[in-house]
Amino acid sequence: MTRTSQPTRLPADVYESAVAAAAVSSRTVPQQIAHWARIGRQLEMSPGTNQRAIAQVLAGAASYDALDEEEQAVVRQAWTDRMTALREALNYKDQFVAAGESYSEADEDGNVIIHPARH
């Protein structure tokens, strides 16, 4: 039986990382993503990895330092994923505009752009 892949949306940072890693490892982007997925699956299924301990650390109910290196790697990746999602959800521009406040930001060249308050 031939299986076809299903379309999947990926966060932009994951896709961009896969593009960079694929170039270095002589894989296509889909091959790189599949490679990472297999590694993650193996790590999660590893008898040496205590998923309950990882979940407790992620919930703030246990110490990160009590985990072994593999478990710490899983926790760090989960933290990275959470922080990326939180950053992507931030929209300071809309908050400043809604509050009628000015704000500044840097453009792609590092120049400061000041957006005056709108009243």
C-alpha atoms as a PDB file:
ATOM      1  CA  MET A   1       0.000   0.000   0.000  1.00  0.00           C
ATOM      2  CA  THR A   2       1.370   3.394  -0.998  1.00  0.00           C
ATOM      3  CA  ARG A   3       0.876   6.178   1.484  1.00  0.00           C
ATOM      4  CA  THR A   4       0.757   9.796   0.514  1.00  0.00           C
ATOM      5  CA  SER A   5       1.716  12.620   2.763  1.00  0.00           C
ATOM      6  CA  GLN A   6      -0.866  15.021   4.090  1.00  0.00           C
ATOM      7  CA  PRO A   7      -0.351  18.787   3.778  1.00  0.00           C
ATOM      8  CA  THR A   8       0.741  20.287   7.070  1.00  0.00           C
ATOM      9  CA  ARG A   9       1.198  23.890   8.111  1.00  0.00           C
ATOM     10  CA  LEU A  10       4.438  24.605   9.921  1.00  0.00           C
ATOM     11  CA  PRO A  11       5.469  27.641  11.926  1.00  0.00           C
ATOM     12  CA  ALA A  12       7.671  29.908   9.803  1.00  0.00           C
ATOM     13  CA  ASP A  13      10.676  29.482  12.108  1.00  0.00           C
ATOM     14  CA  VAL A  14      10.512  25.683  11.804  1.00  0.00           C
ATOM     15  CA  TYR A  15      10.303  25.871   8.029  1.00  0.00           C
ATOM     16  CA  GLU A  16      13.185  28.364   7.811  1.00  0.00           C
ATOM     17  CA  SER A  17      15.311  26.192  10.094  1.00  0.00           C
ATOM     18  CA  ALA A  18      14.503  23.160   7.947  1.00  0.00           C
ATOM     19  CA  VAL A  19      15.560  25.041   4.804  1.00  0.00           C
ATOM     20  CA  ALA A  20      18.919  25.891   6.388  1.00  0.00           C
ATOM     21  CA  ALA A  21      19.469  22.408   7.836  1.00  0.00           C
ATOM     22  CA  ALA A  22      18.436  20.706   4.586  1.00  0.00           C
ATOM     23  CA  ALA A  23      21.073  22.618   2.639  1.00  0.00           C
ATOM     24  CA  VAL A  24      23.786  21.498   5.048  1.00  0.00           C
ATOM     25  CA  SER A  25      22.649  17.876   5.266  1.00  0.00           C
ATOM     26  CA  SER A  26      21.931  17.366   1.528  1.00  0.00           C
ATOM     27  CA  ARG A  27      18.254  16.652   2.177  1.00  0.00           C
ATOM     28  CA  THR A  28      15.146  18.226   0.744  1.00  0.00           C
ATOM     29  CA  VAL A  29      13.095  20.329   3.146  1.00  0.00           C
ATOM     30  CA  PRO A  30      10.426  17.595   3.502  1.00  0.00           C
ATOM     31  CA  GLN A  31      13.160  15.011   4.135  1.00  0.00           C
ATOM     32  CA  GLN A  32      14.689  17.251   6.817  1.00  0.00           C
ATOM     33  CA  ILE A  33      11.349  17.755   8.551  1.00  0.00           C
ATOM     34  CA  ALA A  34      10.653  14.003   8.429  1.00  0.00           C
ATOM     35  CA  HIS A  35      14.132  13.372   9.855  1.00  0.00           C
ATOM     36  CA  TRP A  36      13.453  15.724  12.773  1.00  0.00           C
ATOM     37  CA  ALA A  37      10.027  14.156  13.324  1.00  0.00           C
ATOM     38  CA  ARG A  38      11.555  10.683  13.547  1.00  0.00           C
ATOM     39  CA  ILE A  39      14.168  11.902  16.038  1.00  0.00           C
ATOM     40  CA  GLY A  40      11.465  13.542  18.148  1.00  0.00           C
ATOM     41  CA  ARG A  41       9.308  10.419  18.030  1.00  0.00           C
ATOM     42  CA  GLN A  42      12.220   8.238  19.115  1.00  0.00           C
ATOM     43  CA  LEU A  43      13.133  10.609  21.907  1.00  0.00           C
ATOM     44  CA  GLU A  44       9.580  10.706  23.230  1.00  0.00           C
ATOM     45  CA  MET A  45       9.254   6.915  23.014  1.00  0.00           C
ATOM     46  CA  SER A  46      12.648   6.283  24.581  1.00  0.00           C
ATOM     47  CA  PRO A  47      12.372   4.237  27.768  1.00  0.00           C
ATOM     48  CA  GLY A  48      15.072   6.476  29.218  1.00  0.00           C
ATOM     49  CA  THR A  49      12.887   9.548  28.802  1.00  0.00           C
ATOM     50  CA  ASN A  50      10.396  10.098  31.602  1.00  0.00           C
ATOM     51  CA  GLN A  51       7.440  11.895  30.011  1.00  0.00           C
ATOM     52  CA  ARG A  52       5.722  12.331  33.380  1.00  0.00           C
ATOM     53  CA  ALA A  53       8.777  14.125  34.804  1.00  0.00           C
ATOM     54  CA  ILE A  54       8.945  16.321  31.697  1.00  0.00           C
ATOM     55  CA  ALA A  55       5.257  17.201  32.021  1.00  0.00           C
ATOM     56  CA  GLN A  56       5.756  18.110  35.692  1.00  0.00           C
ATOM     57  CA  VAL A  57       8.632  20.451  34.841  1.00  0.00           C
ATOM     58  CA  LEU A  58       6.619  22.046  32.032  1.00  0.00           C
ATOM     59  CA  ALA A  59       3.740  22.558  34.477  1.00  0.00           C
ATOM     60  CA  GLY A  60       6.098  24.201  36.979  1.00  0.00           C
ATOM     61  CA  ALA A  61       5.629  21.419  39.524  1.00  0.00           C
ATOM     62  CA  ALA A  62       9.142  19.950  39.387  1.00  0.00           C
ATOM     63  CA  SER A  63      12.739  21.048  38.969  1.00  0.00           C
ATOM     64  CA  TYR A  64      14.396  21.183  35.547  1.00  0.00           C
ATOM     65  CA  ASP A  65      17.686  20.228  37.237  1.00  0.00           C
ATOM     66  CA  ALA A  66      16.215  16.861  38.291  1.00  0.00           C
ATOM     67  CA  LEU A  67      15.910  15.790  34.641  1.00  0.00           C
ATOM     68  CA  ASP A  68      18.587  13.994  32.673  1.00  0.00           C
ATOM     69  CA  GLU A  69      20.134  15.557  29.554  1.00  0.00           C
ATOM     70  CA  GLU A  70      17.631  14.065  27.083  1.00  0.00           C
ATOM     71  CA  GLU A  71      14.670  15.148  29.189  1.00  0.00           C
ATOM     72  CA  GLN A  72      16.139  18.636  29.566  1.00  0.00           C
ATOM     73  CA  ALA A  73      16.468  18.834  25.769  1.00  0.00           C
ATOM     74  CA  VAL A  74      12.762  18.018  25.396  1.00  0.00           C
ATOM     75  CA  VAL A  75      11.853  20.678  27.976  1.00  0.00           C
ATOM     76  CA  ARG A  76      14.063  23.314  26.323  1.00  0.00           C
ATOM     77  CA  GLN A  77      12.402  22.645  22.968  1.00  0.00           C
ATOM     78  CA  ALA A  78       8.951  22.898  24.538  1.00  0.00           C
ATOM     79  CA  TRP A  79       9.941  26.203  26.167  1.00  0.00           C
ATOM     80  CA  THR A  80      11.276  27.468  22.840  1.00  0.00           C
ATOM     81  CA  ASP A  81       8.032  26.503  21.102  1.00  0.00           C
ATOM     82  CA  ARG A  82       5.970  28.225  23.793  1.00  0.00           C
ATOM     83  CA  MET A  83       8.029  31.418  23.628  1.00  0.00           C
ATOM     84  CA  THR A  84       7.822  31.492  19.830  1.00  0.00           C
ATOM     85  CA  ALA A  85       4.040  31.144  19.978  1.00  0.00           C
ATOM     86  CA  LEU A  86       3.795  33.913  22.592  1.00  0.00           C
ATOM     87  CA  ARG A  87       6.019  36.263  20.562  1.00  0.00           C
ATOM     88  CA  GLU A  88       4.034  35.601  17.407  1.00  0.00           C
ATOM     89  CA  ALA A  89       0.800  36.457  19.249  1.00  0.00           C
ATOM     90  CA  LEU A  90       2.113  39.854  20.398  1.00  0.00           C
ATOM     91  CA  ASN A  91       0.959  42.884  18.476  1.00  0.00           C
ATOM     92  CA  TYR A  92       2.267  45.973  20.215  1.00  0.00           C
ATOM     93  CA  LYS A  93       1.412  48.214  17.268  1.00  0.00           C
ATOM     94  CA  ASP A  94      -2.303  47.523  17.649  1.00  0.00           C
ATOM     95  CA  GLN A  95      -2.087  48.003  21.412  1.00  0.00           C
ATOM     96  CA  PHE A  96      -0.306  51.372  21.103  1.00  0.00           C
ATOM     97  CA  VAL A  97      -2.667  52.578  18.375  1.00  0.00           C
ATOM     98  CA  ALA A  98      -5.717  51.512  20.394  1.00  0.00           C
ATOM     99  CA  ALA A  99      -4.351  53.361  23.424  1.00  0.00           C
ATOM    100  CA  GLY A 100      -3.569  56.457  21.327  1.00  0.00           C
ATOM    101  CA  GLU A 101       0.120  56.289  22.221  1.00  0.00           C
ATOM    102  CA  SER A 102       3.175  56.867  20.055  1.00  0.00           C
ATOM    103  CA  TYR A 103       5.668  54.083  19.530  1.00  0.00           C
ATOM    104  CA  SER A 104       8.972  53.490  17.807  1.00  0.00           C
ATOM    105  CA  GLU A 105      10.547  50.573  16.019  1.00  0.00           C
ATOM    106  CA  ALA A 106      13.613  49.783  13.954  1.00  0.00           C
ATOM    107  CA  ASP A 107      13.310  49.191  10.227  1.00  0.00           C
ATOM    108  CA  GLU A 108      15.235  46.480   8.360  1.00  0.00           C
ATOM    109  CA  ASP A 109      18.316  48.736   8.186  1.00  0.00           C
ATOM    110  CA  GLY A 110      18.272  49.518  11.904  1.00  0.00           C
ATOM    111  CA  ASN A 111      16.902  53.046  11.498  1.00  0.00           C
ATOM    112  CA  VAL A 112      14.518  54.181  14.221  1.00  0.00           C
ATOM    113  CA  ILE A 113      11.023  54.977  12.978  1.00  0.00           C
ATOM    114  CA  ILE A 114       8.758  56.949  15.324  1.00  0.00           C
ATOM    115  CA  HIS A 115       5.015  56.532  14.875  1.00  0.00           C
ATOM    116  CA  PRO A 116       3.204  59.474  16.477  1.00  0.00           C
ATOM    117  CA  ALA A 117       0.097  58.979  18.575  1.00  0.00           C
ATOM    118  CA  ARG A 118      -3.162  59.172  16.684  1.00  0.00           C
ATOM    119  CA  HIS A 119      -5.930  61.087  18.347  1.00  0.00           C
END
